[in-house]
Amino acid sequence: MNIVQEEERRVVSKAPNPAKFRRTRVQSIPRWAYVLFAVLAVLVLLRTFQRGVGTLRPAQAPARPVTVAKVVTKDVPLYLDEIGTCAAYETVLVQAQVSGQIITRDFQDGAEVKKGDPLFTIDPRPFQAVLDQDKAQAALDQVNLKRQEDLRARKVISQQDYDTAVANAQKSQAAVEAAQVNVDFCYIKSPINGRVGLRNVDVGNLVGPSTTPLVTILGLDPIYTDFTVAENDLPLVRKYLGGPNVKVQTFLPDGSITPRMGDLYFIDNAVQPGSGTVKARGVTPNPDRALWPSEFVRVRFILDTLKNATLVPSQAVQVSQSGPFVFVVKPDNTVDLRPVKPGQRQEGDLTVIEGVKPDETVVVTGQLALSPGAQVAPQPYVPQNSDKPQDAAVSESAL
């Protein structure tokens, strides 16, 4: 029994220990494997971080669609826009110069007449009788004068008798001429080219120098354009007054006629106390009678011509807290904010500005979403119908 137990203890002591065997296997993994595992783990973490940063980075903004136009240069007027009225170039109140009864009327109310066209006829018979009588007396006086000349040549009469005969002949001739004038006054004719108004008398009326005018004739070609200039604009007007480029352009507010260029005829010598304005008048061609007296018109008082002015479409000029500006498109299709000094609006929806160079490209529409350096996709600007002068402001100061 003891021998068996002793033998079992010997066998147990010689058997291998499992825990010791596991420790021996763990200690057999090489150290470089741990280093390699650590390096791989670091690389994986770094790659994951880079991807996370890439997803957080904001995407680049797309190019903004805008319309653009080139800066152009041309000669444009320096002007003041005013409101005015037209007035007849000539106004004639046709008056009877002899007394008598009207027997004919030779025109239609409102018709165009030429100088010398017949208007009325006053009964000429009484005046023709006086003329005939004076002609007879003049003929008798001429015969008497001839007789006196013959007697004087023979020294039969005195010098006084001869002088009396000469005076009578001259007096009778003057009476004939005066009677002829009265006869001519019976045939009333138009003294000017123009348009007649509504007649004041009809056939059968007795008229004379003291009665009302028979009719009024207005000369309409050319026509006056009357307007006023504000006293604040007087320094500018005086600067260019008398210059070769001073003109008066007249047009209707509805744009129904082409603007007409005329000359400055008159400017008053004093400011009106009540309104603070100065009266001015231009002479405007009116061959088609499109402008009528007392009609309201718009007036562009052109003072001078600005040579080689830089112009851009009016929509290109924007206003911020820092003042007016435009967006200038650079060659790489990015925009630059450029402060400018705007001037007057011109025909063709163009505005005079200072601060840009000729042939530069400016943004016309689409500025709302732009900022300096923004990328744009430019498209050419197609202007709308050209603005006419009548669309401008009523009173606009110079640059």
Protein backbone atom coordinates (compact mmCIF):
# COMPACT_ATOMS: atom_id res chain seq x y z
CA MET A 1 0.00 0.00 0.00
CA ASN A 2 2.74 2.40 0.84
CA ILE A 3 4.67 1.28 -2.16
CA VAL A 4 1.68 2.06 -4.44
CA GLN A 5 1.14 5.54 -2.98
CA GLU A 6 4.82 6.30 -3.32
CA GLU A 7 4.72 5.27 -6.95
CA GLU A 8 1.69 7.51 -7.65
CA ARG A 9 3.41 10.56 -6.13
CA ARG A 10 6.43 9.91 -8.33
CA VAL A 11 4.30 9.77 -11.44
CA VAL A 12 2.42 12.96 -10.53
CA SER A 13 5.64 14.83 -9.89
CA LYS A 14 6.97 13.85 -13.30
CA ALA A 15 3.77 14.98 -15.22
CA PRO A 16 3.99 18.40 -17.03
CA ASN A 17 2.29 21.52 -15.48
CA PRO A 18 -0.39 23.06 -17.87
CA ALA A 19 -0.15 26.58 -16.44
CA LYS A 20 3.55 26.58 -16.82
CA PHE A 21 3.14 25.34 -20.38
CA ARG A 22 0.75 28.27 -21.22
CA ARG A 23 3.13 30.80 -19.78
CA THR A 24 5.91 29.36 -21.87
CA ARG A 25 3.77 29.67 -25.10
CA VAL A 26 2.81 33.28 -24.36
CA GLN A 27 6.37 34.26 -23.82
CA SER A 28 7.22 32.75 -27.21
CA ILE A 29 5.42 35.68 -29.29
CA PRO A 30 8.20 37.92 -30.68
CA ARG A 31 8.44 41.57 -29.64
CA TRP A 32 8.46 42.94 -33.21
CA ALA A 33 4.93 41.60 -33.68
CA TYR A 34 3.70 43.94 -30.98
CA VAL A 35 5.46 46.87 -32.70
CA LEU A 36 3.93 46.01 -36.06
CA PHE A 37 0.47 45.77 -34.52
CA ALA A 38 0.86 49.21 -32.93
CA VAL A 39 2.00 50.82 -36.18
CA LEU A 40 -0.95 49.34 -38.07
CA ALA A 41 -3.36 50.60 -35.43
CA VAL A 42 -1.93 54.12 -35.64
CA LEU A 43 -2.26 54.11 -39.43
CA VAL A 44 -5.89 53.01 -39.26
CA LEU A 45 -6.73 55.72 -36.74
CA LEU A 46 -4.98 58.40 -38.84
CA ARG A 47 -6.85 57.40 -41.97
CA THR A 48 -10.16 57.46 -40.12
CA PHE A 49 -9.42 60.96 -38.80
CA GLN A 50 -8.54 62.27 -42.26
CA ARG A 51 -11.81 61.00 -43.69
CA GLY A 52 -13.74 62.64 -40.87
CA VAL A 53 -12.05 65.99 -41.49
CA GLY A 54 -12.81 65.72 -45.23
CA THR A 55 -16.49 65.21 -44.57
CA LEU A 56 -16.61 68.24 -42.24
CA ARG A 57 -14.92 70.58 -44.76
CA PRO A 58 -17.60 72.77 -46.57
CA ALA A 59 -18.06 72.22 -50.29
CA GLN A 60 -16.92 75.00 -52.66
CA ALA A 61 -19.79 77.33 -53.66
CA PRO A 62 -20.92 76.95 -57.29
CA ALA A 63 -20.40 79.80 -59.77
CA ARG A 64 -23.20 82.36 -59.59
CA PRO A 65 -25.04 83.11 -62.87
CA VAL A 66 -24.86 86.82 -63.71
CA THR A 67 -25.27 89.06 -66.74
CA VAL A 68 -22.38 91.33 -67.63
CA ALA A 69 -21.66 94.24 -69.96
CA LYS A 70 -18.60 96.11 -71.12
CA VAL A 71 -17.80 99.64 -69.99
CA VAL A 72 -18.22 101.90 -73.04
CA THR A 73 -17.03 105.43 -73.77
CA LYS A 74 -18.77 108.03 -75.90
CA ASP A 75 -19.71 111.70 -75.98
CA VAL A 76 -22.84 112.43 -73.95
CA PRO A 77 -24.69 115.64 -73.02
CA LEU A 78 -24.54 117.44 -69.71
CA TYR A 79 -28.13 118.51 -69.13
CA LEU A 80 -30.94 119.64 -66.86
CA ASP A 81 -34.41 118.11 -67.20
CA GLU A 82 -37.31 120.51 -66.76
CA ILE A 83 -41.05 120.78 -67.40
CA GLY A 84 -42.29 123.47 -69.76
CA THR A 85 -45.05 124.63 -72.08
CA CYS A 86 -45.17 125.61 -75.72
CA ALA A 87 -46.09 129.07 -76.97
CA ALA A 88 -46.86 130.34 -80.45
CA TYR A 89 -43.91 131.84 -82.27
CA GLU A 90 -46.21 134.57 -83.65
CA THR A 91 -49.67 135.67 -82.50
CA VAL A 92 -51.72 138.00 -84.69
CA LEU A 93 -55.10 139.46 -83.78
CA VAL A 94 -56.63 140.31 -87.13
CA GLN A 95 -58.38 143.67 -86.78
CA ALA A 96 -60.50 145.63 -89.28
CA GLN A 97 -58.76 148.88 -90.20
CA VAL A 98 -61.75 150.46 -91.94
CA SER A 99 -65.40 150.49 -90.99
CA GLY A 100 -67.86 148.57 -93.07
CA GLN A 101 -69.92 145.47 -93.54
CA ILE A 102 -68.31 142.04 -94.03
CA ILE A 103 -69.48 140.55 -97.30
CA THR A 104 -67.28 137.42 -97.60
CA ARG A 105 -65.32 134.97 -95.42
CA ASP A 106 -62.61 133.08 -97.30
CA PHE A 107 -61.25 130.55 -94.75
CA GLN A 108 -62.33 127.60 -92.63
CA ASP A 109 -61.99 127.86 -88.86
CA GLY A 110 -58.82 126.07 -87.71
CA ALA A 111 -57.31 125.93 -91.19
CA GLU A 112 -53.69 126.49 -92.13
CA VAL A 113 -53.15 129.73 -94.00
CA LYS A 114 -50.23 131.26 -95.85
CA LYS A 115 -49.10 134.83 -95.78
CA GLY A 116 -51.32 136.79 -98.18
CA ASP A 117 -54.26 134.37 -98.18
CA PRO A 118 -57.65 136.21 -98.12
CA LEU A 119 -59.61 136.05 -94.88
CA PHE A 120 -62.48 138.59 -95.01
CA THR A 121 -63.80 141.17 -97.43
CA ILE A 122 -65.40 144.42 -96.24
CA ASP A 123 -67.78 146.12 -98.66
CA PRO A 124 -65.35 148.23 -100.74
CA ARG A 125 -67.87 150.30 -102.70
CA PRO A 126 -67.82 153.45 -100.54
CA PHE A 127 -64.04 153.48 -100.52
CA GLN A 128 -63.83 152.74 -104.22
CA ALA A 129 -66.08 155.77 -104.87
CA VAL A 130 -63.80 158.01 -102.84
CA LEU A 131 -60.81 156.62 -104.74
CA ASP A 132 -62.41 157.33 -108.08
CA GLN A 133 -63.26 160.86 -106.98
CA ASP A 134 -59.72 161.51 -105.84
CA LYS A 135 -58.32 160.12 -109.08
CA ALA A 136 -60.51 162.54 -111.04
CA GLN A 137 -59.38 165.46 -108.94
CA ALA A 138 -55.78 164.39 -109.31
CA ALA A 139 -56.17 164.25 -113.09
CA LEU A 140 -57.70 167.75 -113.13
CA ASP A 141 -54.89 169.11 -110.99
CA GLN A 142 -52.30 167.56 -113.30
CA VAL A 143 -53.91 169.30 -116.29
CA ASN A 144 -53.98 172.58 -114.41
CA LEU A 145 -50.33 172.16 -113.48
CA LYS A 146 -49.42 171.56 -117.12
CA ARG A 147 -51.25 174.71 -118.13
CA GLN A 148 -49.51 176.74 -115.42
CA GLU A 149 -46.13 175.46 -116.62
CA ASP A 150 -46.85 176.70 -120.13
CA LEU A 151 -47.97 180.11 -118.89
CA ARG A 152 -44.94 180.36 -116.63
CA ALA A 153 -42.66 179.64 -119.56
CA ARG A 154 -44.16 182.65 -121.32
CA LYS A 155 -43.95 184.64 -118.10
CA VAL A 156 -47.65 185.30 -118.08
CA ILE A 157 -48.44 184.16 -114.49
CA SER A 158 -46.82 184.87 -111.19
CA GLN A 159 -44.64 182.47 -109.30
CA GLN A 160 -47.28 182.15 -106.58
CA ASP A 161 -49.90 180.84 -109.04
CA TYR A 162 -47.45 178.26 -110.30
CA ASP A 163 -46.54 177.11 -106.79
CA THR A 164 -50.22 176.75 -105.92
CA ALA A 165 -50.79 174.54 -108.96
CA VAL A 166 -47.85 172.31 -107.99
CA ALA A 167 -49.14 171.94 -104.41
CA ASN A 168 -52.66 171.08 -105.58
CA ALA A 169 -51.34 168.37 -107.89
CA GLN A 170 -49.29 166.80 -105.08
CA LYS A 171 -52.18 167.00 -102.64
CA SER A 172 -54.59 165.29 -104.98
CA GLN A 173 -52.05 162.56 -105.69
CA ALA A 174 -51.68 161.93 -101.94
CA ALA A 175 -55.47 161.73 -101.61
CA VAL A 176 -55.51 159.07 -104.32
CA GLU A 177 -52.89 157.03 -102.49
CA ALA A 178 -54.79 157.32 -99.18
CA ALA A 179 -58.04 156.25 -100.84
CA GLN A 180 -56.24 153.30 -102.41
CA VAL A 181 -55.01 152.21 -98.99
CA ASN A 182 -58.58 152.26 -97.63
CA VAL A 183 -59.73 150.16 -100.57
CA ASP A 184 -56.92 147.68 -99.90
CA PHE A 185 -57.97 147.52 -96.24
CA CYS A 186 -61.31 146.17 -97.38
CA TYR A 187 -59.59 142.96 -98.47
CA ILE A 188 -58.27 141.49 -95.23
CA LYS A 189 -55.42 139.00 -95.78
CA SER A 190 -53.29 136.81 -93.53
CA PRO A 191 -50.13 138.65 -92.45
CA ILE A 192 -48.24 135.42 -91.49
CA ASN A 193 -48.08 131.70 -92.09
CA GLY A 194 -50.02 129.94 -89.37
CA ARG A 195 -53.25 128.41 -88.18
CA VAL A 196 -56.42 130.45 -87.76
CA GLY A 197 -58.59 130.05 -84.71
CA LEU A 198 -62.33 130.36 -84.27
CA ARG A 199 -63.71 133.44 -86.02
CA ASN A 200 -65.41 136.11 -83.92
CA VAL A 201 -67.64 137.60 -86.63
CA ASP A 202 -69.71 136.31 -89.52
CA VAL A 203 -70.71 137.70 -92.90
CA GLY A 204 -73.06 140.66 -92.53
CA ASN A 205 -71.53 142.06 -89.36
CA LEU A 206 -70.49 145.68 -89.24
CA VAL A 207 -66.88 145.95 -88.14
CA GLY A 208 -64.33 148.69 -87.66
CA PRO A 209 -61.07 149.62 -85.96
CA SER A 210 -62.75 149.73 -82.53
CA THR A 211 -64.52 146.36 -82.70
CA THR A 212 -63.21 143.03 -81.40
CA PRO A 213 -60.57 141.20 -83.48
CA LEU A 214 -62.04 139.25 -86.36
CA VAL A 215 -59.89 136.15 -85.83
CA THR A 216 -56.60 135.09 -84.25
CA ILE A 217 -53.73 133.52 -86.21
CA LEU A 218 -50.92 131.61 -84.49
CA GLY A 219 -47.57 130.89 -86.06
CA LEU A 220 -46.64 127.31 -85.13
CA ASP A 221 -43.42 126.64 -87.05
CA PRO A 222 -41.12 127.19 -85.31
CA ILE A 223 -42.64 127.24 -81.84
CA TYR A 224 -41.44 128.57 -78.50
CA THR A 225 -40.63 126.23 -75.61
CA ASP A 226 -40.96 128.03 -72.28
CA PHE A 227 -39.47 126.51 -69.13
CA THR A 228 -37.83 127.53 -65.86
CA VAL A 229 -34.45 126.84 -64.27
CA ALA A 230 -34.12 126.45 -60.50
CA GLU A 231 -31.92 129.03 -58.84
CA ASN A 232 -29.75 126.22 -57.41
CA ASP A 233 -28.78 125.32 -60.99
CA LEU A 234 -27.97 128.89 -61.99
CA PRO A 235 -24.19 128.64 -61.29
CA LEU A 236 -23.96 125.67 -63.64
CA VAL A 237 -26.11 127.40 -66.29
CA ARG A 238 -24.04 130.57 -66.14
CA LYS A 239 -20.88 128.50 -66.53
CA TYR A 240 -21.97 127.22 -69.94
CA LEU A 241 -24.29 130.02 -71.05
CA GLY A 242 -23.28 131.32 -74.46
CA GLY A 243 -21.34 128.18 -75.30
CA PRO A 244 -21.61 126.45 -78.66
CA ASN A 245 -23.21 123.31 -77.22
CA VAL A 246 -26.14 124.96 -75.41
CA LYS A 247 -29.34 123.48 -76.84
CA VAL A 248 -32.99 122.98 -75.86
CA GLN A 249 -34.50 119.56 -76.55
CA THR A 250 -38.30 119.30 -76.46
CA PHE A 251 -40.48 116.17 -76.39
CA LEU A 252 -43.91 115.06 -75.24
CA PRO A 253 -44.30 113.16 -71.95
CA ASP A 254 -45.88 110.15 -73.70
CA GLY A 255 -43.00 109.82 -76.14
CA SER A 256 -45.26 110.06 -79.18
CA ILE A 257 -42.83 112.24 -81.12
CA THR A 258 -39.09 112.18 -81.64
CA PRO A 259 -37.28 114.64 -79.37
CA ARG A 260 -36.67 117.91 -81.20
CA MET A 261 -33.51 119.94 -80.86
CA GLY A 262 -33.76 123.70 -80.77
CA ASP A 263 -31.77 126.74 -79.69
CA LEU A 264 -31.88 128.80 -76.52
CA TYR A 265 -33.63 132.05 -77.40
CA PHE A 266 -33.97 133.86 -74.09
CA ILE A 267 -33.17 133.60 -70.39
CA ASP A 268 -34.53 136.10 -67.90
CA ASN A 269 -32.37 138.53 -65.97
CA ALA A 270 -33.90 137.95 -62.52
CA VAL A 271 -35.09 135.16 -60.25
CA GLN A 272 -38.84 135.08 -59.66
CA PRO A 273 -39.32 135.76 -55.92
CA GLY A 274 -42.26 133.42 -55.42
CA SER A 275 -40.90 130.30 -57.07
CA GLY A 276 -37.13 130.74 -56.96
CA THR A 277 -36.80 130.03 -60.68
CA VAL A 278 -35.60 131.84 -63.78
CA LYS A 279 -37.65 131.97 -66.98
CA ALA A 280 -36.08 130.61 -70.15
CA ARG A 281 -37.28 130.13 -73.71
CA GLY A 282 -36.12 128.02 -76.61
CA VAL A 283 -37.04 127.96 -80.29
CA THR A 284 -38.03 124.50 -81.54
CA PRO A 285 -38.71 123.35 -85.12
CA ASN A 286 -42.32 122.21 -85.57
CA PRO A 287 -42.91 121.45 -89.26
CA ASP A 288 -45.58 118.80 -88.63
CA ARG A 289 -47.42 120.93 -86.03
CA ALA A 290 -47.04 118.16 -83.43
CA LEU A 291 -46.42 120.75 -80.70
CA TRP A 292 -49.26 123.13 -79.87
CA PRO A 293 -49.36 126.35 -77.86
CA SER A 294 -49.94 125.92 -74.10
CA GLU A 295 -49.20 122.19 -74.33
CA PHE A 296 -47.16 120.70 -71.47
CA VAL A 297 -43.84 119.27 -72.62
CA ARG A 298 -40.64 117.95 -71.12
CA VAL A 299 -37.50 119.92 -71.76
CA ARG A 300 -33.90 118.78 -71.69
CA PHE A 301 -31.71 121.85 -71.31
CA ILE A 302 -28.36 120.73 -72.75
CA LEU A 303 -25.45 122.77 -71.42
CA ASP A 304 -22.38 121.01 -72.80
CA THR A 305 -21.02 117.74 -74.20
CA LEU A 306 -18.95 115.40 -72.02
CA LYS A 307 -16.19 113.95 -74.18
CA ASN A 308 -15.31 110.24 -73.84
CA ALA A 309 -17.50 109.66 -70.79
CA THR A 310 -17.48 106.14 -69.31
CA LEU A 311 -20.90 104.51 -69.23
CA VAL A 312 -22.40 101.32 -67.83
CA PRO A 313 -25.99 100.03 -67.70
CA SER A 314 -27.89 101.73 -64.90
CA GLN A 315 -28.65 98.43 -63.15
CA ALA A 316 -24.95 97.78 -62.67
CA VAL A 317 -24.65 100.53 -60.05
CA GLN A 318 -25.54 99.33 -56.56
CA VAL A 319 -25.65 101.27 -53.29
CA SER A 320 -24.31 100.13 -49.92
CA GLN A 321 -23.59 101.85 -46.61
CA SER A 322 -20.20 102.82 -48.02
CA GLY A 323 -21.71 104.39 -51.13
CA PRO A 324 -22.31 103.43 -54.77
CA PHE A 325 -20.32 100.51 -56.21
CA VAL A 326 -20.17 98.04 -59.08
CA PHE A 327 -18.90 94.47 -59.35
CA VAL A 328 -16.05 94.22 -61.87
CA VAL A 329 -15.46 90.78 -63.40
CA LYS A 330 -11.79 89.77 -63.49
CA PRO A 331 -10.23 87.47 -66.12
CA ASP A 332 -10.58 84.41 -63.83
CA ASN A 333 -14.38 85.02 -63.57
CA THR A 334 -14.19 86.28 -60.01
CA VAL A 335 -15.62 89.63 -59.04
CA ASP A 336 -14.10 92.67 -57.40
CA LEU A 337 -16.15 95.33 -55.60
CA ARG A 338 -15.29 98.75 -57.03
CA PRO A 339 -16.52 102.04 -55.47
CA VAL A 340 -17.75 104.46 -58.17
CA LYS A 341 -19.13 107.96 -58.52
CA PRO A 342 -22.36 107.83 -60.59
CA GLY A 343 -23.39 110.67 -62.86
CA GLN A 344 -26.36 111.40 -65.09
CA ARG A 345 -28.50 108.81 -66.79
CA GLN A 346 -28.23 108.80 -70.56
CA GLU A 347 -30.21 107.32 -73.40
CA GLY A 348 -29.99 103.57 -73.82
CA ASP A 349 -30.30 102.93 -70.05
CA LEU A 350 -26.69 103.96 -69.52
CA THR A 351 -25.24 105.87 -66.59
CA VAL A 352 -22.12 108.00 -66.51
CA ILE A 353 -19.77 106.81 -63.76
CA GLU A 354 -16.26 107.48 -62.52
CA GLY A 355 -14.13 104.68 -61.10
CA VAL A 356 -14.01 102.10 -63.90
CA LYS A 357 -11.89 101.83 -67.03
CA PRO A 358 -12.99 101.41 -70.64
CA ASP A 359 -13.54 97.81 -71.79
CA GLU A 360 -13.76 96.49 -68.21
CA THR A 361 -16.64 94.10 -67.58
CA VAL A 362 -19.23 94.87 -64.90
CA VAL A 363 -22.06 92.80 -63.47
CA VAL A 364 -25.48 94.11 -64.50
CA THR A 365 -27.86 91.64 -62.83
CA GLY A 366 -27.38 88.99 -60.15
CA GLN A 367 -25.43 91.11 -57.66
CA LEU A 368 -27.56 90.10 -54.65
CA ALA A 369 -25.66 86.88 -53.89
CA LEU A 370 -22.19 88.21 -54.76
CA SER A 371 -19.27 89.18 -52.56
CA PRO A 372 -15.69 90.15 -53.42
CA GLY A 373 -13.84 87.13 -54.81
CA ALA A 374 -16.98 85.15 -55.64
CA GLN A 375 -16.94 82.94 -58.71
CA VAL A 376 -19.45 83.86 -61.42
CA ALA A 377 -20.77 82.38 -64.64
CA PRO A 378 -21.12 85.48 -66.86
CA GLN A 379 -23.72 85.82 -69.58
CA PRO A 380 -24.03 88.82 -71.94
CA TYR A 381 -26.53 91.46 -70.86
CA VAL A 382 -29.35 92.12 -73.33
CA PRO A 383 -30.72 95.64 -72.76
CA GLN A 384 -34.43 96.34 -72.86
CA ASN A 385 -35.98 99.07 -74.96
CA SER A 386 -33.75 102.12 -74.84
CA ASP A 387 -34.94 104.75 -72.38
CA LYS A 388 -35.93 108.01 -73.95
CA PRO A 389 -35.19 111.38 -72.39
CA GLN A 390 -38.75 111.66 -71.18
CA ASP A 391 -38.13 108.80 -68.74
CA ALA A 392 -35.45 110.76 -66.92
CA ALA A 393 -35.97 112.72 -63.72
CA VAL A 394 -37.73 116.04 -63.95
CA SER A 395 -34.86 118.08 -62.56
CA GLU A 396 -31.46 116.42 -62.37
CA SER A 397 -28.30 118.20 -61.41
CA ALA A 398 -24.99 117.86 -63.17
CA LEU A 399 -22.04 115.69 -62.16
